[in-house]
Amino acid sequence: MSPITIVLVDDHHVVRRGLRSFLESFADLRICGEAASGEEALASMAAWNPAVVILDLLLPGGMDGIQTLRELRSRWPPIRVVVLTSYTDDARVVAALRAGAIGYIRKDADPDVLLLAVRAAAKGQSLLDPAVAGAIVHDLAAHGAGDALTAREKEVLCELAWGKTNIFRAS
C-alpha cells in the first residue's frame, strides 16, 4: 500500500521540521511538501498532490488559515485538511469546520492524536480534539440544528463536550 502523502502548512520552520521528523518515522506516512504561507501552499498544491494537508490557522501574508482552507477545498476537493493550531475558541473551530476541515487538533495535543487524525483523514473520517468538541455543540444549539440529530448523535456530542475523546484505542 502506498504511503499517505502529506503537506505541512505552518509559518514556523521548527514546527514543520518537528512534524516532518515525527510523521516520517512511520512507514505509512510521507511528507511531499511544506509551505510557510497559504499563498505558497496554493501555488504548489497541484504539483504535490497530497492526500492530507496539515494546516495552521495563523499564517503570514494576505491569507489566513481559514481562507487557505476554503481555497484548498474549492480547488482540490479530494484533499483532506487537518487543522493543527493553538486556537481553541469556538468561532475559529466552527469556521474551520464550515470551511471544510476534516480534523481539528490543538498544537499541545498528544502527538498520537495528530497521527490518528491524519490516518483518519486519509480514510475520509473526521477526528476532533476533545477540547474543541464543545464548540460544535454550542454552534448546533445556536442554530437550532440539534433538532435534526438522532438521540445517539446528541449523546455522542454531549460526551465530547464533557471532554471525552472520540478516539478509539484498542486495548
N, C-alpha and C. Protein backbone atom coordinates (compact mmCIF):
# COMPACT_ATOMS: atom_id res chain seq x y z
N MET A 1 0.84 -1.18 0.00
CA MET A 1 0.00 0.00 0.00
C MET A 1 0.89 1.24 0.00
N SER A 2 0.54 2.23 -0.80
CA SER A 2 1.35 3.45 -0.88
C SER A 2 1.14 4.31 0.36
N PRO A 3 2.17 5.08 0.73
CA PRO A 3 2.06 5.90 1.93
C PRO A 3 1.06 7.05 1.76
N ILE A 4 0.58 7.55 2.88
CA ILE A 4 -0.29 8.72 2.89
C ILE A 4 0.60 9.93 2.66
N THR A 5 0.32 10.68 1.61
CA THR A 5 1.12 11.86 1.29
C THR A 5 0.54 13.07 2.02
N ILE A 6 1.45 13.86 2.60
CA ILE A 6 1.05 14.96 3.48
C ILE A 6 1.80 16.23 3.11
N VAL A 7 1.10 17.35 3.16
CA VAL A 7 1.72 18.68 3.03
C VAL A 7 1.57 19.38 4.37
N LEU A 8 2.63 20.02 4.82
CA LEU A 8 2.65 20.78 6.07
C LEU A 8 2.58 22.26 5.76
N VAL A 9 1.62 22.97 6.34
CA VAL A 9 1.50 24.41 6.13
C VAL A 9 1.51 25.09 7.50
N ASP A 10 2.66 25.65 7.83
CA ASP A 10 2.85 26.36 9.10
C ASP A 10 3.98 27.35 8.89
N ASP A 11 3.85 28.54 9.43
CA ASP A 11 4.87 29.56 9.20
C ASP A 11 6.12 29.36 10.05
N HIS A 12 6.10 28.45 11.00
CA HIS A 12 7.26 28.21 11.84
C HIS A 12 8.06 27.01 11.33
N HIS A 13 9.28 27.30 10.89
CA HIS A 13 10.14 26.26 10.33
C HIS A 13 10.39 25.13 11.34
N VAL A 14 10.60 25.48 12.58
CA VAL A 14 10.89 24.46 13.60
C VAL A 14 9.67 23.54 13.80
N VAL A 15 8.47 24.08 13.69
CA VAL A 15 7.26 23.26 13.80
C VAL A 15 7.18 22.30 12.62
N ARG A 16 7.41 22.82 11.41
CA ARG A 16 7.37 21.95 10.23
C ARG A 16 8.43 20.85 10.32
N ARG A 17 9.63 21.21 10.76
CA ARG A 17 10.70 20.21 10.87
C ARG A 17 10.34 19.14 11.90
N GLY A 18 9.79 19.57 13.03
CA GLY A 18 9.38 18.61 14.06
C GLY A 18 8.27 17.69 13.57
N LEU A 19 7.30 18.26 12.88
CA LEU A 19 6.21 17.45 12.32
C LEU A 19 6.74 16.47 11.29
N ARG A 20 7.63 16.94 10.43
CA ARG A 20 8.22 16.07 9.42
C ARG A 20 8.94 14.89 10.08
N SER A 21 9.77 15.19 11.05
CA SER A 21 10.53 14.13 11.73
C SER A 21 9.61 13.12 12.39
N PHE A 22 8.60 13.63 13.08
CA PHE A 22 7.66 12.73 13.75
C PHE A 22 6.87 11.89 12.75
N LEU A 23 6.24 12.54 11.78
CA LEU A 23 5.36 11.82 10.87
C LEU A 23 6.11 10.85 9.96
N GLU A 24 7.29 11.25 9.51
CA GLU A 24 8.03 10.35 8.62
C GLU A 24 8.69 9.19 9.36
N SER A 25 8.56 9.14 10.67
CA SER A 25 9.07 7.98 11.41
C SER A 25 8.12 6.80 11.26
N PHE A 26 6.97 7.03 10.62
CA PHE A 26 6.00 5.97 10.36
C PHE A 26 6.03 5.63 8.87
N ALA A 27 6.15 4.35 8.57
CA ALA A 27 6.33 3.89 7.18
C ALA A 27 5.14 4.24 6.29
N ASP A 28 3.96 4.42 6.87
CA ASP A 28 2.77 4.68 6.06
C ASP A 28 2.53 6.16 5.78
N LEU A 29 3.47 7.03 6.21
CA LEU A 29 3.31 8.47 6.01
C LEU A 29 4.52 9.04 5.28
N ARG A 30 4.26 10.02 4.37
CA ARG A 30 5.35 10.67 3.64
C ARG A 30 5.00 12.14 3.44
N ILE A 31 5.93 13.01 3.81
CA ILE A 31 5.74 14.44 3.59
C ILE A 31 6.15 14.74 2.14
N CYS A 32 5.23 15.31 1.37
CA CYS A 32 5.53 15.60 -0.04
C CYS A 32 5.69 17.09 -0.30
N GLY A 33 5.46 17.93 0.73
CA GLY A 33 5.64 19.36 0.55
C GLY A 33 5.47 20.12 1.85
N GLU A 34 6.05 21.32 1.86
CA GLU A 34 5.95 22.22 3.01
C GLU A 34 5.75 23.63 2.50
N ALA A 35 4.99 24.42 3.26
CA ALA A 35 4.77 25.82 2.91
C ALA A 35 4.69 26.64 4.19
N ALA A 36 5.14 27.89 4.10
CA ALA A 36 5.12 28.79 5.24
C ALA A 36 3.94 29.77 5.19
N SER A 37 3.18 29.74 4.10
CA SER A 37 2.03 30.63 3.97
C SER A 37 0.95 29.96 3.12
N GLY A 38 -0.25 30.51 3.20
CA GLY A 38 -1.33 29.98 2.38
C GLY A 38 -1.06 30.14 0.90
N GLU A 39 -0.52 31.29 0.53
CA GLU A 39 -0.22 31.55 -0.88
C GLU A 39 0.81 30.56 -1.41
N GLU A 40 1.84 30.32 -0.62
CA GLU A 40 2.88 29.36 -1.02
C GLU A 40 2.30 27.96 -1.17
N ALA A 41 1.44 27.58 -0.25
CA ALA A 41 0.82 26.26 -0.32
C ALA A 41 -0.03 26.10 -1.58
N LEU A 42 -0.87 27.09 -1.84
CA LEU A 42 -1.76 27.01 -3.00
C LEU A 42 -0.99 26.99 -4.31
N ALA A 43 0.13 27.71 -4.36
CA ALA A 43 0.92 27.77 -5.59
C ALA A 43 1.54 26.42 -5.94
N SER A 44 1.79 25.57 -4.95
CA SER A 44 2.47 24.29 -5.20
C SER A 44 1.58 23.07 -5.02
N MET A 45 0.35 23.25 -4.60
CA MET A 45 -0.50 22.12 -4.26
C MET A 45 -0.71 21.15 -5.41
N ALA A 46 -0.91 21.66 -6.61
CA ALA A 46 -1.15 20.76 -7.76
C ALA A 46 0.06 19.87 -8.01
N ALA A 47 1.26 20.40 -7.83
CA ALA A 47 2.47 19.60 -8.04
C ALA A 47 2.64 18.56 -6.92
N TRP A 48 2.29 18.92 -5.71
CA TRP A 48 2.45 17.99 -4.59
C TRP A 48 1.38 16.91 -4.58
N ASN A 49 0.15 17.28 -4.88
CA ASN A 49 -0.99 16.36 -4.92
C ASN A 49 -1.08 15.47 -3.67
N PRO A 50 -1.19 16.08 -2.48
CA PRO A 50 -1.25 15.28 -1.26
C PRO A 50 -2.62 14.68 -1.00
N ALA A 51 -2.65 13.70 -0.13
CA ALA A 51 -3.92 13.16 0.35
C ALA A 51 -4.43 14.01 1.51
N VAL A 52 -3.47 14.51 2.35
CA VAL A 52 -3.82 15.25 3.56
C VAL A 52 -2.95 16.50 3.66
N VAL A 53 -3.54 17.58 4.11
CA VAL A 53 -2.81 18.81 4.43
C VAL A 53 -2.98 19.06 5.92
N ILE A 54 -1.87 19.30 6.60
CA ILE A 54 -1.90 19.73 8.00
C ILE A 54 -1.69 21.24 7.97
N LEU A 55 -2.68 21.98 8.45
CA LEU A 55 -2.74 23.43 8.25
C LEU A 55 -2.87 24.19 9.57
N ASP A 56 -1.99 25.16 9.77
CA ASP A 56 -2.12 26.08 10.89
C ASP A 56 -3.11 27.17 10.48
N LEU A 57 -3.77 27.79 11.44
CA LEU A 57 -4.72 28.85 11.13
C LEU A 57 -4.10 30.23 11.09
N LEU A 58 -3.03 30.43 11.83
CA LEU A 58 -2.38 31.73 11.86
C LEU A 58 -1.20 31.70 10.89
N LEU A 59 -1.38 32.33 9.74
CA LEU A 59 -0.37 32.33 8.69
C LEU A 59 -0.06 33.76 8.28
N PRO A 60 1.19 34.01 7.88
CA PRO A 60 1.55 35.36 7.42
C PRO A 60 1.04 35.59 5.99
N GLY A 61 1.09 36.83 5.57
CA GLY A 61 0.68 37.15 4.20
C GLY A 61 -0.77 37.57 4.17
N GLY A 62 -1.34 37.54 2.99
CA GLY A 62 -2.70 38.02 2.81
C GLY A 62 -3.77 37.01 3.14
N MET A 63 -3.41 35.73 3.25
CA MET A 63 -4.41 34.69 3.51
C MET A 63 -4.17 34.06 4.86
N ASP A 64 -5.21 34.01 5.67
CA ASP A 64 -5.08 33.27 6.92
C ASP A 64 -5.41 31.80 6.65
N GLY A 65 -5.40 30.99 7.69
CA GLY A 65 -5.65 29.57 7.52
C GLY A 65 -7.05 29.24 7.04
N ILE A 66 -8.04 30.00 7.48
CA ILE A 66 -9.43 29.74 7.06
C ILE A 66 -9.58 30.01 5.57
N GLN A 67 -9.03 31.12 5.10
CA GLN A 67 -9.10 31.43 3.67
C GLN A 67 -8.35 30.38 2.85
N THR A 68 -7.20 29.98 3.35
CA THR A 68 -6.42 28.94 2.67
C THR A 68 -7.21 27.64 2.61
N LEU A 69 -7.84 27.29 3.71
CA LEU A 69 -8.66 26.09 3.77
C LEU A 69 -9.80 26.13 2.75
N ARG A 70 -10.48 27.26 2.68
CA ARG A 70 -11.57 27.39 1.70
C ARG A 70 -11.07 27.20 0.27
N GLU A 71 -9.94 27.82 -0.04
CA GLU A 71 -9.36 27.70 -1.38
C GLU A 71 -8.93 26.27 -1.67
N LEU A 72 -8.29 25.63 -0.71
CA LEU A 72 -7.88 24.24 -0.89
C LEU A 72 -9.07 23.35 -1.21
N ARG A 73 -10.12 23.47 -0.41
CA ARG A 73 -11.30 22.62 -0.59
C ARG A 73 -12.04 22.96 -1.89
N SER A 74 -11.98 24.22 -2.31
CA SER A 74 -12.63 24.63 -3.54
C SER A 74 -11.88 24.10 -4.77
N ARG A 75 -10.58 24.25 -4.77
CA ARG A 75 -9.77 23.86 -5.93
C ARG A 75 -9.46 22.36 -5.99
N TRP A 76 -9.28 21.74 -4.83
CA TRP A 76 -8.91 20.32 -4.77
C TRP A 76 -9.79 19.60 -3.76
N PRO A 77 -11.04 19.35 -4.10
CA PRO A 77 -11.97 18.73 -3.15
C PRO A 77 -11.52 17.40 -2.55
N PRO A 78 -10.75 16.57 -3.26
CA PRO A 78 -10.34 15.30 -2.64
C PRO A 78 -9.35 15.44 -1.49
N ILE A 79 -8.65 16.57 -1.42
CA ILE A 79 -7.65 16.75 -0.37
C ILE A 79 -8.35 16.94 0.97
N ARG A 80 -7.90 16.20 1.97
CA ARG A 80 -8.45 16.30 3.33
C ARG A 80 -7.56 17.23 4.14
N VAL A 81 -8.16 18.12 4.92
CA VAL A 81 -7.41 19.10 5.69
C VAL A 81 -7.61 18.88 7.18
N VAL A 82 -6.49 18.72 7.88
CA VAL A 82 -6.49 18.64 9.34
C VAL A 82 -5.89 19.94 9.85
N VAL A 83 -6.65 20.67 10.63
CA VAL A 83 -6.16 21.91 11.23
C VAL A 83 -5.35 21.53 12.47
N LEU A 84 -4.15 22.09 12.55
CA LEU A 84 -3.29 21.92 13.73
C LEU A 84 -2.92 23.32 14.19
N THR A 85 -3.49 23.74 15.31
CA THR A 85 -3.34 25.13 15.72
C THR A 85 -3.39 25.25 17.23
N SER A 86 -3.03 26.42 17.71
CA SER A 86 -3.11 26.69 19.15
C SER A 86 -4.46 27.29 19.52
N TYR A 87 -5.27 27.63 18.55
CA TYR A 87 -6.57 28.25 18.80
C TYR A 87 -7.65 27.22 19.09
N THR A 88 -8.38 27.45 20.18
CA THR A 88 -9.48 26.55 20.51
C THR A 88 -10.79 27.32 20.74
N ASP A 89 -10.79 28.62 20.39
CA ASP A 89 -12.03 29.37 20.60
C ASP A 89 -13.10 28.88 19.63
N ASP A 90 -14.33 28.91 20.11
CA ASP A 90 -15.46 28.37 19.35
C ASP A 90 -15.56 28.91 17.94
N ALA A 91 -15.36 30.22 17.78
CA ALA A 91 -15.54 30.84 16.46
C ALA A 91 -14.57 30.25 15.43
N ARG A 92 -13.32 30.07 15.81
CA ARG A 92 -12.34 29.53 14.86
C ARG A 92 -12.59 28.05 14.56
N VAL A 93 -12.95 27.30 15.59
CA VAL A 93 -13.24 25.88 15.38
C VAL A 93 -14.38 25.74 14.39
N VAL A 94 -15.47 26.44 14.63
CA VAL A 94 -16.64 26.35 13.76
C VAL A 94 -16.30 26.85 12.36
N ALA A 95 -15.57 27.96 12.26
CA ALA A 95 -15.18 28.49 10.95
C ALA A 95 -14.35 27.47 10.17
N ALA A 96 -13.42 26.82 10.83
CA ALA A 96 -12.57 25.83 10.16
C ALA A 96 -13.39 24.63 9.68
N LEU A 97 -14.28 24.16 10.51
CA LEU A 97 -15.10 23.01 10.12
C LEU A 97 -16.06 23.38 8.99
N ARG A 98 -16.62 24.58 9.05
CA ARG A 98 -17.51 25.02 7.96
C ARG A 98 -16.74 25.23 6.67
N ALA A 99 -15.47 25.60 6.77
CA ALA A 99 -14.64 25.81 5.57
C ALA A 99 -14.19 24.48 4.97
N GLY A 100 -14.39 23.39 5.69
CA GLY A 100 -14.08 22.09 5.12
C GLY A 100 -13.03 21.26 5.82
N ALA A 101 -12.58 21.67 7.01
CA ALA A 101 -11.60 20.85 7.74
C ALA A 101 -12.25 19.53 8.15
N ILE A 102 -11.50 18.46 8.03
CA ILE A 102 -11.99 17.14 8.43
C ILE A 102 -11.51 16.79 9.84
N GLY A 103 -10.50 17.52 10.30
CA GLY A 103 -9.98 17.32 11.64
C GLY A 103 -9.55 18.63 12.25
N TYR A 104 -9.53 18.70 13.57
CA TYR A 104 -9.11 19.91 14.26
C TYR A 104 -8.37 19.46 15.52
N ILE A 105 -7.07 19.74 15.56
CA ILE A 105 -6.21 19.28 16.65
C ILE A 105 -5.46 20.47 17.23
N ARG A 106 -5.34 20.51 18.55
CA ARG A 106 -4.55 21.55 19.21
C ARG A 106 -3.07 21.21 19.12
N LYS A 107 -2.24 22.23 19.05
CA LYS A 107 -0.79 22.01 18.98
C LYS A 107 -0.24 21.41 20.27
N ASP A 108 -0.96 21.54 21.37
CA ASP A 108 -0.46 20.94 22.60
C ASP A 108 -1.07 19.56 22.86
N ALA A 109 -1.74 18.99 21.86
CA ALA A 109 -2.31 17.65 21.99
C ALA A 109 -1.19 16.61 21.96
N ASP A 110 -1.50 15.44 22.43
CA ASP A 110 -0.56 14.32 22.36
C ASP A 110 -0.26 14.04 20.88
N PRO A 111 0.99 13.82 20.52
CA PRO A 111 1.32 13.56 19.11
C PRO A 111 0.54 12.39 18.51
N ASP A 112 0.17 11.42 19.33
CA ASP A 112 -0.61 10.29 18.81
C ASP A 112 -1.98 10.73 18.32
N VAL A 113 -2.52 11.81 18.89
CA VAL A 113 -3.81 12.32 18.43
C VAL A 113 -3.67 12.85 17.01
N LEU A 114 -2.59 13.58 16.74
CA LEU A 114 -2.35 14.07 15.38
C LEU A 114 -2.17 12.90 14.42
N LEU A 115 -1.42 11.90 14.83
CA LEU A 115 -1.21 10.72 14.00
C LEU A 115 -2.54 10.05 13.65
N LEU A 116 -3.39 9.88 14.66
CA LEU A 116 -4.71 9.30 14.42
C LEU A 116 -5.55 10.18 13.50
N ALA A 117 -5.45 11.49 13.67
CA ALA A 117 -6.23 12.41 12.84
C ALA A 117 -5.80 12.34 11.38
N VAL A 118 -4.51 12.25 11.12
CA VAL A 118 -4.00 12.16 9.75
C VAL A 118 -4.45 10.86 9.10
N ARG A 119 -4.31 9.78 9.81
CA ARG A 119 -4.73 8.48 9.26
C ARG A 119 -6.24 8.43 9.04
N ALA A 120 -7.00 9.01 9.97
CA ALA A 120 -8.45 9.06 9.80
C ALA A 120 -8.82 9.92 8.59
N ALA A 121 -8.18 11.08 8.47
CA ALA A 121 -8.47 11.98 7.34
C ALA A 121 -8.22 11.30 6.01
N ALA A 122 -7.14 10.55 5.93
CA ALA A 122 -6.81 9.85 4.68
C ALA A 122 -7.90 8.86 4.28
N LYS A 123 -8.65 8.39 5.27
CA LYS A 123 -9.76 7.46 5.02
C LYS A 123 -11.10 8.20 4.87
N GLY A 124 -11.05 9.54 4.96
CA GLY A 124 -12.27 10.31 4.86
C GLY A 124 -13.04 10.40 6.16
N GLN A 125 -12.38 10.08 7.27
CA GLN A 125 -13.02 10.10 8.58
C GLN A 125 -12.57 11.34 9.36
N SER A 126 -13.45 11.85 10.16
CA SER A 126 -13.17 13.05 10.94
C SER A 126 -12.71 12.70 12.34
N LEU A 127 -11.70 13.43 12.82
CA LEU A 127 -11.25 13.29 14.20
C LEU A 127 -11.06 14.68 14.76
N LEU A 128 -11.73 14.95 15.87
CA LEU A 128 -11.64 16.25 16.51
C LEU A 128 -11.02 16.11 17.88
N ASP A 129 -10.19 17.06 18.23
CA ASP A 129 -9.63 17.13 19.56
C ASP A 129 -10.78 17.32 20.54
N PRO A 130 -10.86 16.53 21.59
CA PRO A 130 -11.97 16.68 22.54
C PRO A 130 -12.08 18.09 23.12
N ALA A 131 -10.97 18.81 23.20
CA ALA A 131 -11.00 20.16 23.77
C ALA A 131 -11.80 21.14 22.91
N VAL A 132 -12.02 20.83 21.64
CA VAL A 132 -12.76 21.74 20.77
C VAL A 132 -14.16 21.24 20.44
N ALA A 133 -14.49 20.06 20.88
CA ALA A 133 -15.79 19.47 20.54
C ALA A 133 -16.95 20.30 21.08
N GLY A 134 -16.74 20.96 22.20
CA GLY A 134 -17.80 21.79 22.77
C GLY A 134 -18.25 22.89 21.84
N ALA A 135 -17.34 23.38 21.02
CA ALA A 135 -17.68 24.44 20.06
C ALA A 135 -18.75 23.96 19.09
N ILE A 136 -18.68 22.73 18.71
CA ILE A 136 -19.65 22.18 17.77
C ILE A 136 -21.02 22.10 18.42
N VAL A 137 -21.04 21.65 19.66
CA VAL A 137 -22.30 21.56 20.38
C VAL A 137 -22.93 22.95 20.51
N HIS A 138 -22.13 23.95 20.88
CA HIS A 138 -22.65 25.31 21.02
C HIS A 138 -23.18 25.83 19.69
N ASP A 139 -22.45 25.56 18.62
CA ASP A 139 -22.88 26.04 17.30
C ASP A 139 -24.18 25.37 16.87
N LEU A 140 -24.30 24.08 17.09
CA LEU A 140 -25.53 23.38 16.74
C LEU A 140 -26.71 23.93 17.53
N ALA A 141 -26.50 24.16 18.81
CA ALA A 141 -27.57 24.67 19.65
C ALA A 141 -27.99 26.08 19.22
N ALA A 142 -26.99 26.91 18.88
CA ALA A 142 -27.28 28.29 18.49
C ALA A 142 -28.07 28.37 17.19
N HIS A 143 -27.89 27.38 16.33
CA HIS A 143 -28.56 27.41 15.03
C HIS A 143 -29.74 26.45 14.96
N GLY A 144 -30.12 25.90 16.09
CA GLY A 144 -31.28 25.01 16.12
C GLY A 144 -31.08 23.71 15.39
N ALA A 145 -29.84 23.39 15.05
CA ALA A 145 -29.58 22.16 14.29
C ALA A 145 -29.66 20.92 15.16
N GLY A 146 -29.67 21.11 16.48
CA GLY A 146 -29.73 19.97 17.38
C GLY A 146 -30.99 19.14 17.18
N ASP A 147 -32.05 19.76 16.69
CA ASP A 147 -33.29 19.03 16.46
C ASP A 147 -33.17 18.02 15.33
N ALA A 148 -32.22 18.21 14.44
CA ALA A 148 -32.05 17.30 13.31
C ALA A 148 -31.18 16.10 13.66
N LEU A 149 -30.63 16.08 14.88
CA LEU A 149 -29.74 14.99 15.28
C LEU A 149 -30.53 13.85 15.90
N THR A 150 -29.99 12.64 15.74
CA THR A 150 -30.60 11.49 16.40
C THR A 150 -30.24 11.54 17.88
N ALA A 151 -30.91 10.74 18.66
CA ALA A 151 -30.62 10.69 20.10
C ALA A 151 -29.18 10.26 20.33
N ARG A 152 -28.70 9.30 19.55
CA ARG A 152 -27.31 8.83 19.71
C ARG A 152 -26.32 9.92 19.33
N GLU A 153 -26.59 10.67 18.26
CA GLU A 153 -25.69 11.76 17.87
C GLU A 153 -25.63 12.82 18.97
N LYS A 154 -26.76 13.12 19.57
CA LYS A 154 -26.77 14.08 20.68
C LYS A 154 -25.98 13.55 21.86
N GLU A 155 -26.13 12.27 22.14
CA GLU A 155 -25.39 11.65 23.24
C GLU A 155 -23.88 11.74 23.01
N VAL A 156 -23.44 11.42 21.80
CA VAL A 156 -22.02 11.48 21.46
C VAL A 156 -21.50 12.91 21.58
N LEU A 157 -22.24 13.87 21.06
CA LEU A 157 -21.82 15.28 21.16
C LEU A 157 -21.73 15.74 22.60
N CYS A 158 -22.65 15.32 23.43
CA CYS A 158 -22.59 15.70 24.85
C CYS A 158 -21.34 15.11 25.51
N GLU A 159 -21.03 13.88 25.19
CA GLU A 159 -19.82 13.26 25.75
C GLU A 159 -18.57 14.01 25.30
N LEU A 160 -18.53 14.40 24.02
CA LEU A 160 -17.40 15.18 23.51
C LEU A 160 -17.30 16.52 24.22
N ALA A 161 -18.44 17.15 24.44
CA ALA A 161 -18.44 18.45 25.11
C ALA A 161 -17.92 18.35 26.53
N TRP A 162 -18.10 17.19 27.16
CA TRP A 162 -17.59 16.97 28.51
C TRP A 162 -16.13 16.55 28.51
N GLY A 163 -15.51 16.55 27.34
CA GLY A 163 -14.08 16.28 27.27
C GLY A 163 -13.70 14.84 27.00
N LYS A 164 -14.67 14.00 26.78
CA LYS A 164 -14.35 12.61 26.44
C LYS A 164 -13.86 12.58 25.00
N THR A 165 -13.07 11.61 24.68
CA THR A 165 -12.47 11.55 23.36
C THR A 165 -13.34 10.79 22.37
N ASN A 166 -13.18 11.13 21.10
CA ASN A 166 -13.82 10.37 20.04
C ASN A 166 -12.79 9.47 19.37
N ILE A 167 -11.68 9.23 20.06
CA ILE A 167 -10.58 8.42 19.54
C ILE A 167 -10.73 7.01 20.10
N PHE A 168 -10.77 6.05 19.22
CA PHE A 168 -10.85 4.67 19.63
C PHE A 168 -9.44 4.11 19.75
N ARG A 169 -9.15 3.51 20.87
CA ARG A 169 -7.86 2.86 21.07
C ARG A 169 -8.12 1.41 21.47
N ALA A 170 -7.65 0.51 20.67
CA ALA A 170 -7.81 -0.92 21.02
C ALA A 170 -6.89 -1.25 22.18
N SER A 171 -7.37 -2.08 23.10
CA SER A 171 -6.53 -2.42 24.25
C SER A 171 -5.54 -3.51 23.95
